[in-house]
């Protein structure tokens, strides 16, 4: 028999309270409100590395959720991803306390110039010994745009819809389709500049540290990239010497038509978010087919991770009791703030008892009907029904039960949707992760579905991700590899790809 495919497991967090479960910071056993304390993150990294998690994926937003009722107040009161600290800065502290776990960080391409972001990412890849992943996103909140000096949200004109809901909703107008195409084009240009800085600006052997000759770096092994384009002008060279991975592990989430094409070319890991495997199956298959037919990639080299929130007990009754307890603290107003921000739909315009599947708005109906298809027991869908649905776990499923039952659910998502692993969100921080470690991981290991040790202890994020020693940079089939200026190659023999 062929060996079973082992799951990739990431912890899914954000530098805020509650994250996917707004209001749970009120629970007496929750510590998510301590996100401003560096030790909070260091202890999480140590806990998860001891359990052999592949990585910690840190989400981020650049603005507040102010779509619901046209106000930021519900998010402020409930603590729904507000306040939020910047995620990249804490990785060095977590990396200093660990040796093998990876760190995926969300950094938006919307407001920051490539030259500046490349420097920040290369620096952290150095300081973490090559354990950095970059989740490529474009910002989507108007509140962020206004604080960045824009009259309108750049994401509205150029960005994909927020990844958490692209699997449930579709654009209803040609204008929206054009926006998606614009985003894909701009994002692809941004990433090409990053590849040029990471891979083409310095030769692998540029830094020689020749003490006898006083030569730190050989000058003809460093060059300008001279990028000139519609969106970016970056002469270079990159201000950082090559980091252990050069290009961080590329993480992405895209399920719109444009997003799929972008992910198929660039992503090494793709995040999906939906309440049922049937929703993801087609999108995953289409992305992998695009990767193979359009970009010559092995579709299995792209790993897909699904958002899930496990609630575990030693018995089913214990697990259900935990869920009932958590629901006492969940904030429906916070959930509506998040939902409306994710979708751009203000459900505050509708009455408390109004059936949302019967309103005039196509966007509202299609979104709510997407939920209703996979929750047949719910007879009426009001804004409060939606809030209850996303108040714990966000737009991912809640797996409630014993280790056997939750492991079965993991297996179903793998078999039916084709996912390779999971982004595990928490209800309580850090207790939800402790429950996964104590109860679920032994069951997954007993089934051969999770490793006992890192494939390469002390290795880079990419080496452990692919379980391949020496695979510090992207695979040869990946577009970034064409930019690599290898040791011993003269500049005239390696032109920088456009």
Protein backbone atom coordinates (compact mmCIF):
# COMPACT_ATOMS: atom_id res chain seq x y z
CA UNK A 1 0.00 0.00 0.00
CA UNK A 2 1.15 3.52 -0.78
CA UNK A 3 2.03 5.56 2.32
CA UNK A 4 -0.69 7.92 3.49
CA UNK A 5 -0.30 11.58 2.69
CA UNK A 6 0.49 13.43 5.90
CA UNK A 7 -1.30 16.69 6.66
CA UNK A 8 0.32 20.10 6.82
CA UNK A 9 -0.87 21.92 9.94
CA UNK A 10 -0.58 25.65 10.60
CA UNK A 11 -1.90 27.66 13.52
CA UNK A 12 -4.05 30.53 12.23
CA UNK A 13 -3.77 33.71 14.31
CA UNK A 14 -3.72 37.49 14.12
CA UNK A 15 -2.21 40.13 16.36
CA UNK A 16 -5.58 40.96 17.87
CA UNK A 17 -8.12 39.50 20.30
CA UNK A 18 -10.48 36.76 19.20
CA UNK A 19 -9.48 36.73 15.53
CA UNK A 20 -12.06 34.40 13.91
CA UNK A 21 -14.20 34.22 17.06
CA UNK A 22 -15.03 37.78 18.15
CA UNK A 23 -16.05 38.20 21.76
CA UNK A 24 -14.35 35.03 23.02
CA UNK A 25 -11.71 37.24 24.65
CA UNK A 26 -14.32 37.60 27.44
CA UNK A 27 -14.05 33.91 28.32
CA UNK A 28 -12.17 33.44 31.61
CA UNK A 29 -9.81 30.90 30.01
CA UNK A 30 -8.93 33.03 26.96
CA UNK A 31 -5.69 35.01 26.71
CA UNK A 32 -5.98 36.41 23.20
CA UNK A 33 -6.24 39.95 24.58
CA UNK A 34 -2.57 39.64 25.63
CA UNK A 35 -1.46 39.95 21.99
CA UNK A 36 0.57 43.07 22.82
CA UNK A 37 2.93 41.05 25.03
CA UNK A 38 5.88 39.53 23.16
CA UNK A 39 6.00 36.58 25.56
CA UNK A 40 2.45 35.72 24.47
CA UNK A 41 3.84 34.97 21.00
CA UNK A 42 7.08 33.39 22.12
CA UNK A 43 5.23 30.87 24.28
CA UNK A 44 2.86 30.07 21.39
CA UNK A 45 5.78 29.41 19.06
CA UNK A 46 7.47 27.13 21.59
CA UNK A 47 4.22 25.26 22.27
CA UNK A 48 3.52 24.66 18.58
CA UNK A 49 7.08 23.72 17.70
CA UNK A 50 7.13 21.12 20.46
CA UNK A 51 3.99 19.68 18.83
CA UNK A 52 5.70 19.82 15.37
CA UNK A 53 3.26 22.22 13.71
CA UNK A 54 4.56 23.20 10.29
CA UNK A 55 3.96 26.88 10.78
CA UNK A 56 2.20 29.81 12.39
CA UNK A 57 0.21 31.81 9.88
CA UNK A 58 -0.40 35.40 10.99
CA UNK A 59 -3.24 37.20 9.23
CA UNK A 60 -3.45 40.98 9.05
CA UNK A 61 -5.63 43.91 8.04
CA UNK A 62 -4.71 47.58 7.62
CA UNK A 63 -8.03 49.10 8.65
CA UNK A 64 -11.05 48.66 10.85
CA UNK A 65 -14.29 46.87 9.97
CA UNK A 66 -16.69 49.78 9.53
CA UNK A 67 -19.13 48.54 6.86
CA UNK A 68 -21.78 47.24 9.28
CA UNK A 69 -24.14 50.15 10.01
CA UNK A 70 -21.52 52.38 8.40
CA UNK A 71 -19.64 52.54 11.68
CA UNK A 72 -16.47 51.27 13.31
CA UNK A 73 -18.20 51.22 16.69
CA UNK A 74 -19.37 47.56 16.64
CA UNK A 75 -15.80 46.42 16.00
CA UNK A 76 -14.38 48.77 18.64
CA UNK A 77 -16.82 47.61 21.31
CA UNK A 78 -16.59 43.90 20.56
CA UNK A 79 -12.87 43.81 19.78
CA UNK A 80 -13.55 42.31 16.34
CA UNK A 81 -10.04 42.39 14.89
CA UNK A 82 -9.65 45.77 16.56
CA UNK A 83 -7.12 46.83 17.62
CA UNK A 84 -4.58 45.04 15.41
CA UNK A 85 -0.80 45.16 15.69
CA UNK A 86 1.67 44.74 12.83
CA UNK A 87 2.64 41.05 12.49
CA UNK A 88 6.10 41.00 10.91
CA UNK A 89 7.90 42.56 13.85
CA UNK A 90 7.15 39.72 16.30
CA UNK A 91 8.54 36.93 14.14
CA UNK A 92 12.16 37.56 15.14
CA UNK A 93 11.27 37.02 18.80
CA UNK A 94 9.44 33.77 18.01
CA UNK A 95 12.25 32.62 15.75
CA UNK A 96 14.86 33.27 18.45
CA UNK A 97 12.99 30.89 20.78
CA UNK A 98 12.57 28.10 18.21
CA UNK A 99 14.55 26.24 15.55
CA UNK A 100 12.22 24.61 13.02
CA UNK A 101 8.69 26.01 12.90
CA UNK A 102 7.86 28.32 9.99
CA UNK A 103 6.20 31.73 10.10
CA UNK A 104 3.77 32.82 7.41
CA UNK A 105 3.06 36.54 7.56
CA UNK A 106 0.46 38.57 5.69
CA UNK A 107 1.91 41.63 3.96
CA UNK A 108 -0.24 43.67 1.59
CA UNK A 109 1.04 44.86 -1.77
CA UNK A 110 -1.48 47.70 -1.93
CA UNK A 111 0.24 50.55 -0.15
CA UNK A 112 3.90 49.57 0.19
CA UNK A 113 6.55 49.87 -2.49
CA UNK A 114 8.25 46.58 -3.48
CA UNK A 115 11.73 47.85 -2.66
CA UNK A 116 10.76 48.56 0.95
CA UNK A 117 8.81 45.33 1.49
CA UNK A 118 11.59 43.23 -0.05
CA UNK A 119 14.01 44.68 2.48
CA UNK A 120 11.72 43.88 5.41
CA UNK A 121 11.05 40.33 4.25
CA UNK A 122 14.70 39.57 3.49
CA UNK A 123 15.70 40.89 6.91
CA UNK A 124 13.27 38.59 8.73
CA UNK A 125 14.25 35.64 6.54
CA UNK A 126 17.84 36.26 7.66
CA UNK A 127 16.93 36.59 11.34
CA UNK A 128 14.76 33.46 11.30
CA UNK A 129 17.36 31.37 9.44
CA UNK A 130 15.08 31.02 6.45
CA UNK A 131 11.78 30.26 8.15
CA UNK A 132 9.66 33.02 6.62
CA UNK A 133 6.62 32.69 4.39
CA UNK A 134 4.91 35.62 2.66
CA UNK A 135 1.13 35.59 2.33
CA UNK A 136 0.51 37.85 -0.67
CA UNK A 137 -2.66 39.91 -0.29
CA UNK A 138 -4.16 43.15 -1.50
CA UNK A 139 -6.01 45.38 0.96
CA UNK A 140 -9.79 45.59 0.78
CA UNK A 141 -11.05 47.94 3.49
CA UNK A 142 -12.04 51.54 2.75
CA UNK A 143 -10.95 52.48 6.25
CA UNK A 144 -7.38 51.51 5.33
CA UNK A 145 -7.46 53.46 2.06
CA UNK A 146 -8.61 56.66 3.73
CA UNK A 147 -5.84 56.45 6.31
CA UNK A 148 -3.32 55.87 3.54
CA UNK A 149 -4.34 59.08 1.80
CA UNK A 150 -6.63 57.67 -0.90
CA UNK A 151 -10.13 58.94 -1.65
CA UNK A 152 -11.33 55.44 -2.48
CA UNK A 153 -10.16 51.97 -1.69
CA UNK A 154 -7.55 50.88 -4.18
CA UNK A 155 -8.70 47.33 -3.56
CA UNK A 156 -12.16 48.20 -4.87
CA UNK A 157 -10.60 49.09 -8.19
CA UNK A 158 -7.67 46.71 -8.28
CA UNK A 159 -8.01 43.98 -5.70
CA UNK A 160 -9.50 40.53 -5.31
CA UNK A 161 -12.43 40.35 -2.90
CA UNK A 162 -11.34 39.34 0.56
CA UNK A 163 -10.24 35.73 0.37
CA UNK A 164 -12.53 34.56 3.15
CA UNK A 165 -15.61 34.91 0.97
CA UNK A 166 -14.47 34.46 -2.62
CA UNK A 167 -15.41 30.79 -2.40
CA UNK A 168 -18.99 31.63 -1.55
CA UNK A 169 -19.76 34.66 -3.65
CA UNK A 170 -19.35 35.61 -7.27
CA UNK A 171 -19.29 38.95 -8.99
CA UNK A 172 -22.56 39.93 -10.57
CA UNK A 173 -21.34 42.63 -12.93
CA UNK A 174 -18.80 42.94 -15.73
CA UNK A 175 -17.29 45.86 -13.85
CA UNK A 176 -16.36 43.59 -10.97
CA UNK A 177 -14.78 41.13 -13.39
CA UNK A 178 -12.65 43.90 -14.82
CA UNK A 179 -11.55 44.85 -11.33
CA UNK A 180 -10.38 41.30 -10.73
CA UNK A 181 -8.34 41.35 -13.94
CA UNK A 182 -6.79 44.68 -12.95
CA UNK A 183 -5.79 43.23 -9.60
CA UNK A 184 -4.19 40.18 -11.12
CA UNK A 185 -2.22 42.35 -13.50
CA UNK A 186 -0.99 44.78 -10.86
CA UNK A 187 -0.24 42.04 -8.32
CA UNK A 188 1.68 40.04 -10.92
CA UNK A 189 3.81 43.09 -11.70
CA UNK A 190 4.46 43.68 -8.01
CA UNK A 191 5.58 40.10 -7.46
CA UNK A 192 7.88 40.19 -10.50
CA UNK A 193 9.67 43.18 -8.99
CA UNK A 194 10.03 41.22 -5.76
CA UNK A 195 11.47 38.22 -7.61
CA UNK A 196 13.96 40.48 -9.34
CA UNK A 197 15.09 41.96 -6.03
CA UNK A 198 15.17 38.64 -4.18
CA UNK A 199 16.69 36.46 -6.91
CA UNK A 200 18.33 38.53 -9.67
CA UNK A 201 20.01 41.43 -7.95
CA UNK A 202 22.71 39.48 -6.09
CA UNK A 203 24.58 36.41 -7.29
CA UNK A 204 24.49 33.49 -4.86
CA UNK A 205 28.21 33.90 -4.14
CA UNK A 206 28.34 37.70 -4.09
CA UNK A 207 29.33 37.95 -0.42
CA UNK A 208 32.86 36.58 0.07
CA UNK A 209 34.03 38.18 3.35
CA UNK A 210 37.66 38.08 2.19
CA UNK A 211 39.48 39.48 5.21
CA UNK A 212 42.92 39.33 3.62
CA UNK A 213 41.86 41.47 0.63
CA UNK A 214 39.33 43.55 2.50
CA UNK A 215 36.52 42.56 0.14
CA UNK A 216 33.12 42.07 1.70
CA UNK A 217 31.13 41.74 -1.52
CA UNK A 218 32.40 41.31 -5.08
CA UNK A 219 30.95 44.35 -6.89
CA UNK A 220 30.31 42.70 -10.27
CA UNK A 221 28.16 40.10 -8.50
CA UNK A 222 25.62 42.76 -7.50
CA UNK A 223 23.55 44.57 -10.13
CA UNK A 224 20.65 46.91 -10.62
CA UNK A 225 17.39 45.35 -11.73
CA UNK A 226 16.30 48.51 -13.61
CA UNK A 227 12.60 47.73 -13.46
CA UNK A 228 10.45 50.30 -15.27
CA UNK A 229 6.73 49.73 -15.47
CA UNK A 230 3.29 51.28 -15.28
CA UNK A 231 3.03 50.80 -11.52
CA UNK A 232 6.59 50.57 -10.23
CA UNK A 233 9.99 52.04 -10.97
CA UNK A 234 12.76 50.22 -9.11
CA UNK A 235 16.34 50.58 -10.31
CA UNK A 236 17.81 48.57 -7.43
CA UNK A 237 19.97 46.80 -6.47
CA UNK A 238 18.33 45.05 -3.54
CA UNK A 239 19.73 46.53 -0.34
CA UNK A 240 19.91 43.11 1.39
CA UNK A 241 22.31 40.30 0.59
CA UNK A 242 20.68 36.95 -0.29
CA UNK A 243 18.80 35.49 2.67
CA UNK A 244 18.64 31.73 3.34
CA UNK A 245 15.56 31.26 1.15
CA UNK A 246 16.00 34.40 -0.97
CA UNK A 247 12.30 34.28 -1.86
CA UNK A 248 10.18 33.47 1.21
CA UNK A 249 7.76 30.57 0.88
CA UNK A 250 4.91 32.01 -1.20
CA UNK A 251 1.48 31.73 0.38
CA UNK A 252 -1.69 32.99 -1.27
CA UNK A 253 -5.47 32.73 -1.35
CA UNK A 254 -7.29 33.23 -4.60
CA UNK A 255 -10.53 31.74 -5.84
CA UNK A 256 -11.81 34.38 -8.22
CA UNK A 257 -10.88 33.78 -11.84
CA UNK A 258 -8.03 36.25 -11.62
CA UNK A 259 -6.99 34.99 -8.20
CA UNK A 260 -6.77 31.42 -9.43
CA UNK A 261 -4.44 32.39 -12.25
CA UNK A 262 -2.23 34.38 -9.89
CA UNK A 263 -2.11 31.53 -7.37
CA UNK A 264 -1.53 28.90 -10.05
CA UNK A 265 1.61 30.70 -11.16
CA UNK A 266 2.98 31.94 -7.85
CA UNK A 267 1.61 30.14 -4.80
CA UNK A 268 3.37 27.30 -3.05
CA UNK A 269 0.57 27.08 -0.51
CA UNK A 270 -3.01 28.20 -1.07
CA UNK A 271 -5.50 28.94 1.69
CA UNK A 272 -9.19 28.21 1.21
CA UNK A 273 -12.10 29.09 3.43
CA UNK A 274 -15.62 27.67 3.19
CA UNK A 275 -18.09 25.75 5.30
CA UNK A 276 -18.19 22.61 3.17
CA UNK A 277 -15.66 20.64 1.09
CA UNK A 278 -17.99 20.72 -1.94
CA UNK A 279 -17.49 24.49 -2.16
CA UNK A 280 -13.71 24.12 -2.37
CA UNK A 281 -13.40 21.06 -4.57
CA UNK A 282 -13.98 22.70 -7.95
CA UNK A 283 -11.82 25.73 -7.17
CA UNK A 284 -8.92 23.60 -6.00
CA UNK A 285 -9.12 21.40 -9.08
CA UNK A 286 -9.24 24.43 -11.37
CA UNK A 287 -6.21 26.05 -9.72
CA UNK A 288 -4.18 22.87 -10.01
CA UNK A 289 -5.21 22.41 -13.64
CA UNK A 290 -4.15 25.99 -14.41
CA UNK A 291 -0.83 25.42 -12.68
CA UNK A 292 -0.14 22.43 -14.92
CA UNK A 293 -1.52 23.59 -18.27
CA UNK A 294 -0.63 27.29 -18.17
CA UNK A 295 2.52 27.38 -16.07
CA UNK A 296 4.07 23.92 -16.38
CA UNK A 297 3.96 23.18 -12.67
CA UNK A 298 3.34 19.89 -10.92
CA UNK A 299 -0.15 20.50 -9.49
CA UNK A 300 0.67 18.44 -6.42
CA UNK A 301 3.53 20.78 -5.55
CA UNK A 302 0.90 23.39 -4.65
CA UNK A 303 -0.39 22.57 -1.19
CA UNK A 304 -3.92 23.62 -0.23
CA UNK A 305 -4.81 24.37 3.39
CA UNK A 306 -8.40 24.78 4.62
CA UNK A 307 -9.52 26.97 7.50
CA UNK A 308 -11.02 24.91 10.36
CA UNK A 309 -11.82 25.43 14.04
CA UNK A 310 -11.73 22.16 16.01
CA UNK A 311 -13.56 22.00 19.35
CA UNK A 312 -12.44 18.81 21.01
CA UNK A 313 -13.54 16.74 23.97
CA UNK A 314 -12.74 13.29 25.28
CA UNK A 315 -16.40 12.55 24.69
CA UNK A 316 -18.84 14.06 22.22
CA UNK A 317 -20.85 15.44 25.15
CA UNK A 318 -17.77 17.21 26.50
CA UNK A 319 -17.06 18.77 23.11
CA UNK A 320 -20.66 19.93 22.68
CA UNK A 321 -20.60 21.41 26.19
CA UNK A 322 -17.51 23.40 25.24
CA UNK A 323 -19.24 24.75 22.15
CA UNK A 324 -22.30 25.74 24.17
CA UNK A 325 -20.04 27.47 26.67
CA UNK A 326 -18.19 29.36 23.94
CA UNK A 327 -21.41 30.55 22.34
CA UNK A 328 -22.29 32.38 25.58
CA UNK A 329 -19.34 34.70 24.96
CA UNK A 330 -19.46 35.09 21.18
CA UNK A 331 -20.29 38.59 19.96
CA UNK A 332 -22.93 38.68 17.22
CA UNK A 333 -22.28 42.38 16.66
CA UNK A 334 -18.59 41.60 16.24
CA UNK A 335 -19.43 38.78 13.87
CA UNK A 336 -21.56 41.13 11.76
CA UNK A 337 -18.76 43.69 11.73
CA UNK A 338 -16.39 41.06 10.33
CA UNK A 339 -18.88 39.58 7.87
CA UNK A 340 -19.85 42.96 6.45
CA UNK A 341 -16.21 43.99 6.14
CA UNK A 342 -15.27 40.73 4.42
CA UNK A 343 -18.10 40.95 1.90
CA UNK A 344 -18.62 44.69 1.55
CA UNK A 345 -22.32 44.10 2.31
CA UNK A 346 -23.98 46.14 5.09
CA UNK A 347 -26.50 43.82 6.71
CA UNK A 348 -27.41 46.64 9.08
CA UNK A 349 -29.78 47.86 6.37
CA UNK A 350 -32.05 44.89 6.95
CA UNK A 351 -34.55 44.24 9.73
CA UNK A 352 -33.89 41.84 12.57
CA UNK A 353 -36.41 39.31 11.27
CA UNK A 354 -36.00 39.92 7.54
CA UNK A 355 -35.38 36.80 5.42
CA UNK A 356 -32.19 37.61 3.53
CA UNK A 357 -32.86 35.06 0.81
CA UNK A 358 -35.77 37.20 -0.33
CA UNK A 359 -34.22 40.67 -0.47
CA UNK A 360 -33.63 42.54 -3.73
CA UNK A 361 -29.82 42.52 -3.52
CA UNK A 362 -28.29 39.76 -5.66
CA UNK A 363 -25.09 39.91 -3.63
CA UNK A 364 -26.89 39.38 -0.34
CA UNK A 365 -29.09 36.58 -1.67
CA UNK A 366 -26.24 34.68 -3.32
CA UNK A 367 -24.03 34.96 -0.26
CA UNK A 368 -26.70 33.79 2.18
CA UNK A 369 -27.91 31.04 -0.15
CA UNK A 370 -24.33 29.80 -0.23
CA UNK A 371 -24.53 29.26 3.52
CA UNK A 372 -28.04 27.84 3.41
CA UNK A 373 -27.06 25.08 0.98
CA UNK A 374 -24.80 23.58 3.61
CA UNK A 375 -27.00 24.24 6.64
CA UNK A 376 -30.31 22.68 5.59
CA UNK A 377 -31.59 22.60 9.16
CA UNK A 378 -31.82 26.40 9.31
CA UNK A 379 -35.28 27.44 8.15
CA UNK A 380 -34.83 31.21 8.17
CA UNK A 381 -31.75 33.29 7.44
CA UNK A 382 -31.70 36.72 9.06
CA UNK A 383 -28.66 38.87 9.74
CA UNK A 384 -28.55 37.33 13.22
CA UNK A 385 -28.54 33.83 11.72
CA UNK A 386 -25.54 34.84 9.63
CA UNK A 387 -23.85 36.31 12.69
CA UNK A 388 -24.34 33.10 14.68
CA UNK A 389 -22.97 31.13 11.75
CA UNK A 390 -19.67 33.04 11.62
CA UNK A 391 -19.31 34.08 15.27
CA UNK A 392 -17.09 31.09 16.06
CA UNK A 393 -14.60 30.04 13.40
CA UNK A 394 -15.36 32.77 10.89
CA UNK A 395 -15.94 31.42 7.40
CA UNK A 396 -14.57 27.98 8.12
CA UNK A 397 -16.26 24.90 9.54
CA UNK A 398 -16.35 24.05 13.23
CA UNK A 399 -15.41 20.42 13.88
CA UNK A 400 -16.97 19.48 17.22
CA UNK A 401 -16.40 16.08 18.76
CA UNK A 402 -13.95 13.49 19.96
CA UNK A 403 -10.47 13.12 18.44
CA UNK A 404 -11.79 10.28 16.27
CA UNK A 405 -14.71 12.36 15.01
CA UNK A 406 -12.59 15.43 14.26
CA UNK A 407 -9.90 13.34 12.56
CA UNK A 408 -12.66 11.82 10.44
CA UNK A 409 -13.73 15.33 9.41
CA UNK A 410 -10.15 16.17 8.46
CA UNK A 411 -10.02 13.04 6.34
CA UNK A 412 -13.29 13.91 4.61
CA UNK A 413 -11.98 17.32 3.61
CA UNK A 414 -8.80 15.74 2.30
CA UNK A 415 -10.67 13.08 0.33
CA UNK A 416 -13.53 15.20 -1.00
CA UNK A 417 -11.97 18.62 -1.51
CA UNK A 418 -8.38 17.60 -2.17
CA UNK A 419 -6.83 19.72 0.59
CA UNK A 420 -3.35 18.89 1.87
CA UNK A 421 -3.72 20.32 5.33
CA UNK A 422 -5.38 22.85 7.58
CA UNK A 423 -5.12 26.34 8.98
CA UNK A 424 -6.32 25.74 12.51
CA UNK A 425 -8.12 28.68 14.10
CA UNK A 426 -8.85 28.93 17.79
CA UNK A 427 -11.92 29.59 19.89
CA UNK A 428 -9.84 30.09 23.05
CA UNK A 429 -6.21 31.20 22.98
CA UNK A 430 -4.09 29.15 23.59
CA UNK A 431 -6.37 26.43 25.01
CA UNK A 432 -7.79 25.46 21.61
CA UNK A 433 -4.26 24.72 20.38
CA UNK A 434 -3.50 22.78 23.56
CA UNK A 435 -6.62 20.67 22.95
CA UNK A 436 -5.46 19.95 19.39
CA UNK A 437 -2.03 18.95 20.66
CA UNK A 438 -3.27 16.79 23.53
CA UNK A 439 -6.28 15.16 21.88
CA UNK A 440 -6.19 15.41 18.09
CA UNK A 441 -2.53 15.01 17.14
CA UNK A 442 -2.16 11.57 18.78
CA UNK A 443 -5.14 10.36 16.74
CA UNK A 444 -3.73 11.81 13.50
CA UNK A 445 -0.34 10.24 14.22
CA UNK A 446 -1.95 6.89 14.98
CA UNK A 447 -3.49 7.04 11.50
CA UNK A 448 -0.20 8.04 9.88
CA UNK A 449 -1.61 11.45 8.93
CA UNK A 450 0.85 13.68 10.81
CA UNK A 451 4.57 13.49 11.22
CA UNK A 452 6.40 12.74 14.48
CA UNK A 453 9.26 15.14 13.79
CA UNK A 454 10.23 17.88 11.37
CA UNK A 455 11.63 16.42 8.18
CA UNK A 456 14.66 18.68 8.60
CA UNK A 457 15.00 19.96 12.17
CA UNK A 458 16.57 23.39 11.99
CA UNK A 459 15.83 23.62 8.28
CA UNK A 460 14.17 26.40 6.35
CA UNK A 461 10.41 26.74 6.06
CA UNK A 462 10.56 25.56 2.44
CA UNK A 463 12.77 22.55 3.21
CA UNK A 464 10.31 21.31 5.81
CA UNK A 465 7.34 22.24 3.65
CA UNK A 466 8.58 20.05 0.78
CA UNK A 467 10.48 17.68 3.09
CA UNK A 468 13.52 18.05 0.88
CA UNK A 469 16.96 18.95 2.14
CA UNK A 470 18.59 21.75 0.17
CA UNK A 471 15.26 23.03 -1.22
CA UNK A 472 15.74 26.47 0.28
CA UNK A 473 14.56 28.28 -2.85
CA UNK A 474 11.45 27.73 -4.97
CA UNK A 475 11.24 24.54 -7.01
CA UNK A 476 12.83 24.61 -10.46
CA UNK A 477 9.36 24.62 -12.03
CA UNK A 478 8.36 27.78 -10.15
CA UNK A 479 8.54 31.10 -11.97
CA UNK A 480 10.78 32.60 -9.27
CA UNK A 481 13.52 30.07 -10.04
CA UNK A 482 14.00 31.61 -13.50
CA UNK A 483 15.14 34.79 -11.77
CA UNK A 484 17.85 33.11 -9.67
CA UNK A 485 21.37 34.44 -10.37
CA UNK A 486 23.39 31.37 -9.51
CA UNK A 487 26.96 31.17 -8.24
CA UNK A 488 29.62 31.24 -10.91
CA UNK A 489 27.36 32.67 -13.65
CA UNK A 490 28.45 35.91 -15.27
CA UNK A 491 25.87 38.67 -15.44
CA UNK A 492 26.03 38.61 -19.25
CA UNK A 493 25.00 34.96 -19.19
CA UNK A 494 21.96 35.56 -16.98
CA UNK A 495 19.58 38.23 -18.12
CA UNK A 496 16.87 39.35 -15.73
CA UNK A 497 13.46 38.06 -16.92
CA UNK A 498 10.85 40.70 -17.67
